[in-house]
Amino acid sequence: MTKQLDPRKLADLIRRPIVTEKATLLMENNQYTFEVDRKATKPEIKAAIEALFDVKVLKVNTLIQPRKKRRVGRFTGYKPQYKRAFVKLAPDDSIALFPDV
């Protein structure tokens, strides 16, 4: 049962690229990290990355971090949760996250 993906909604699934020390080390292995919508599935993420950046995606791994408690004075709360997607591209493809300006 394959569901047709709406190309207009695919762009809303990808929120932003994550640029951390670990993410930049993964870029050397042709893996990129993105913050995505919590309800996005792996096939939707794959279709969105392929449509937005015109690349071939080999594999998608997702991760939702556990909630972390934070305090502000005497008030306790939680940091917002978000979903990360680790995207492995084909060897001849790449994404220019830092275009030459």
C-alpha atoms as a PDB file:
ATOM      1  CA  MET A   1       0.000   0.000   0.000  1.00  0.00           C
ATOM      2  CA  THR A   2       2.023   2.974  -1.244  1.00  0.00           C
ATOM      3  CA  LYS A   3       0.772   6.410  -0.402  1.00  0.00           C
ATOM      4  CA  GLN A   4       1.334   9.282  -2.831  1.00  0.00           C
ATOM      5  CA  LEU A   5       3.406  12.040  -1.204  1.00  0.00           C
ATOM      6  CA  ASP A   6       2.377  15.642  -1.831  1.00  0.00           C
ATOM      7  CA  PRO A   7       5.502  17.567  -2.966  1.00  0.00           C
ATOM      8  CA  ARG A   8       4.127  20.815  -1.508  1.00  0.00           C
ATOM      9  CA  LYS A   9       4.033  19.353   2.004  1.00  0.00           C
ATOM     10  CA  LEU A  10       7.458  17.695   1.818  1.00  0.00           C
ATOM     11  CA  ALA A  11       9.305  21.000   2.295  1.00  0.00           C
ATOM     12  CA  ASP A  12       7.519  21.536   5.626  1.00  0.00           C
ATOM     13  CA  LEU A  13       8.860  18.263   7.046  1.00  0.00           C
ATOM     14  CA  ILE A  14      12.476  19.447   7.123  1.00  0.00           C
ATOM     15  CA  ARG A  15      12.891  22.218   9.695  1.00  0.00           C
ATOM     16  CA  ARG A  16      16.621  23.012   9.670  1.00  0.00           C
ATOM     17  CA  PRO A  17      20.034  21.385   9.355  1.00  0.00           C
ATOM     18  CA  ILE A  18      21.753  20.595  12.646  1.00  0.00           C
ATOM     19  CA  VAL A  19      25.300  21.924  12.783  1.00  0.00           C
ATOM     20  CA  THR A  20      27.108  20.474  15.781  1.00  0.00           C
ATOM     21  CA  GLU A  21      30.545  18.975  16.199  1.00  0.00           C
ATOM     22  CA  LYS A  22      29.202  15.455  15.718  1.00  0.00           C
ATOM     23  CA  ALA A  23      27.143  16.494  12.682  1.00  0.00           C
ATOM     24  CA  THR A  24      30.144  18.108  10.978  1.00  0.00           C
ATOM     25  CA  LEU A  25      32.208  14.952  11.573  1.00  0.00           C
ATOM     26  CA  LEU A  26      29.430  12.896   9.974  1.00  0.00           C
ATOM     27  CA  MET A  27      29.513  15.152   6.898  1.00  0.00           C
ATOM     28  CA  GLU A  28      32.911  13.653   6.046  1.00  0.00           C
ATOM     29  CA  ASN A  29      31.143  10.271   5.673  1.00  0.00           C
ATOM     30  CA  ASN A  30      28.436  11.845   3.467  1.00  0.00           C
ATOM     31  CA  GLN A  31      25.879  11.819   6.296  1.00  0.00           C
ATOM     32  CA  TYR A  32      23.826  14.926   7.073  1.00  0.00           C
ATOM     33  CA  THR A  33      21.717  15.721  10.133  1.00  0.00           C
ATOM     34  CA  PHE A  34      18.400  17.580  10.028  1.00  0.00           C
ATOM     35  CA  GLU A  35      15.727  18.553  12.512  1.00  0.00           C
ATOM     36  CA  VAL A  36      12.452  17.216  11.149  1.00  0.00           C
ATOM     37  CA  ASP A  37       8.777  17.214  12.078  1.00  0.00           C
ATOM     38  CA  ARG A  38       7.973  14.785  14.919  1.00  0.00           C
ATOM     39  CA  LYS A  39       5.316  13.020  12.819  1.00  0.00           C
ATOM     40  CA  ALA A  40       7.517  12.600   9.730  1.00  0.00           C
ATOM     41  CA  THR A  41       8.253   9.034   8.665  1.00  0.00           C
ATOM     42  CA  LYS A  42      11.458   7.749   7.092  1.00  0.00           C
ATOM     43  CA  PRO A  43       9.999   7.468   3.544  1.00  0.00           C
ATOM     44  CA  GLU A  44       8.644  11.025   3.824  1.00  0.00           C
ATOM     45  CA  ILE A  45      12.012  12.344   5.031  1.00  0.00           C
ATOM     46  CA  LYS A  46      13.791  10.537   2.189  1.00  0.00           C
ATOM     47  CA  ALA A  47      11.398  11.979  -0.402  1.00  0.00           C
ATOM     48  CA  ALA A  48      11.720  15.492   1.069  1.00  0.00           C
ATOM     49  CA  ILE A  49      15.548  15.484   1.046  1.00  0.00           C
ATOM     50  CA  GLU A  50      15.655  14.083  -2.501  1.00  0.00           C
ATOM     51  CA  ALA A  51      13.164  16.716  -3.706  1.00  0.00           C
ATOM     52  CA  LEU A  52      14.723  19.708  -1.909  1.00  0.00           C
ATOM     53  CA  PHE A  53      18.406  19.053  -2.617  1.00  0.00           C
ATOM     54  CA  ASP A  54      18.242  16.896  -5.791  1.00  0.00           C
ATOM     55  CA  VAL A  55      20.357  14.075  -4.315  1.00  0.00           C
ATOM     56  CA  LYS A  56      20.025  10.290  -3.938  1.00  0.00           C
ATOM     57  CA  VAL A  57      19.366   9.159  -0.341  1.00  0.00           C
ATOM     58  CA  LEU A  58      20.601   5.691   0.596  1.00  0.00           C
ATOM     59  CA  LYS A  59      19.506   5.490   4.233  1.00  0.00           C
ATOM     60  CA  VAL A  60      17.577   7.467   6.853  1.00  0.00           C
ATOM     61  CA  ASN A  61      17.953   6.978  10.619  1.00  0.00           C
ATOM     62  CA  THR A  62      15.752   8.905  13.044  1.00  0.00           C
ATOM     63  CA  LEU A  63      16.115   9.747  16.717  1.00  0.00           C
ATOM     64  CA  ILE A  64      13.888  11.400  19.301  1.00  0.00           C
ATOM     65  CA  GLN A  65      15.917  12.433  22.350  1.00  0.00           C
ATOM     66  CA  PRO A  66      14.425  11.732  25.800  1.00  0.00           C
ATOM     67  CA  ARG A  67      12.989  14.706  27.672  1.00  0.00           C
ATOM     68  CA  LYS A  68      15.493  16.726  29.695  1.00  0.00           C
ATOM     69  CA  LYS A  69      14.453  18.582  32.825  1.00  0.00           C
ATOM     70  CA  ARG A  70      15.423  22.267  33.164  1.00  0.00           C
ATOM     71  CA  ARG A  71      14.980  24.725  35.997  1.00  0.00           C
ATOM     72  CA  VAL A  72      14.408  28.461  35.902  1.00  0.00           C
ATOM     73  CA  GLY A  73      14.597  29.673  39.482  1.00  0.00           C
ATOM     74  CA  ARG A  74      12.155  27.610  41.508  1.00  0.00           C
ATOM     75  CA  PHE A  75      10.182  26.490  38.468  1.00  0.00           C
ATOM     76  CA  THR A  76      10.942  23.179  36.803  1.00  0.00           C
ATOM     77  CA  GLY A  77      10.061  22.308  33.263  1.00  0.00           C
ATOM     78  CA  TYR A  78      11.296  20.364  30.275  1.00  0.00           C
ATOM     79  CA  LYS A  79      13.256  21.262  27.178  1.00  0.00           C
ATOM     80  CA  PRO A  80      11.252  20.888  23.977  1.00  0.00           C
ATOM     81  CA  GLN A  81      11.666  17.561  22.216  1.00  0.00           C
ATOM     82  CA  TYR A  82      12.479  17.314  18.542  1.00  0.00           C
ATOM     83  CA  LYS A  83      13.210  14.591  16.026  1.00  0.00           C
ATOM     84  CA  ARG A  84      16.578  14.269  14.287  1.00  0.00           C
ATOM     85  CA  ALA A  85      17.099  12.570  10.968  1.00  0.00           C
ATOM     86  CA  PHE A  86      20.523  11.250   9.959  1.00  0.00           C
ATOM     87  CA  VAL A  87      20.558  11.023   6.151  1.00  0.00           C
ATOM     88  CA  LYS A  88      23.209   9.023   4.263  1.00  0.00           C
ATOM     89  CA  LEU A  89      23.680  10.102   0.656  1.00  0.00           C
ATOM     90  CA  ALA A  90      25.044   8.289  -2.363  1.00  0.00           C
ATOM     91  CA  PRO A  91      28.858   8.580  -2.707  1.00  0.00           C
ATOM     92  CA  ASP A  92      28.692  11.013  -5.648  1.00  0.00           C
ATOM     93  CA  ASP A  93      26.132  13.365  -4.028  1.00  0.00           C
ATOM     94  CA  SER A  94      26.572  16.153  -1.478  1.00  0.00           C
ATOM     95  CA  ILE A  95      24.578  18.998   0.071  1.00  0.00           C
ATOM     96  CA  ALA A  96      26.080  22.492   0.266  1.00  0.00           C
ATOM     97  CA  LEU A  97      25.076  23.599   3.769  1.00  0.00           C
ATOM     98  CA  PHE A  98      27.700  26.334   3.722  1.00  0.00           C
ATOM     99  CA  PRO A  99      27.608  27.846   0.234  1.00  0.00           C
ATOM    100  CA  ASP A 100      30.508  30.092  -0.738  1.00  0.00           C
ATOM    101  CA  VAL A 101      29.393  33.680  -0.308  1.00  0.00           C
END
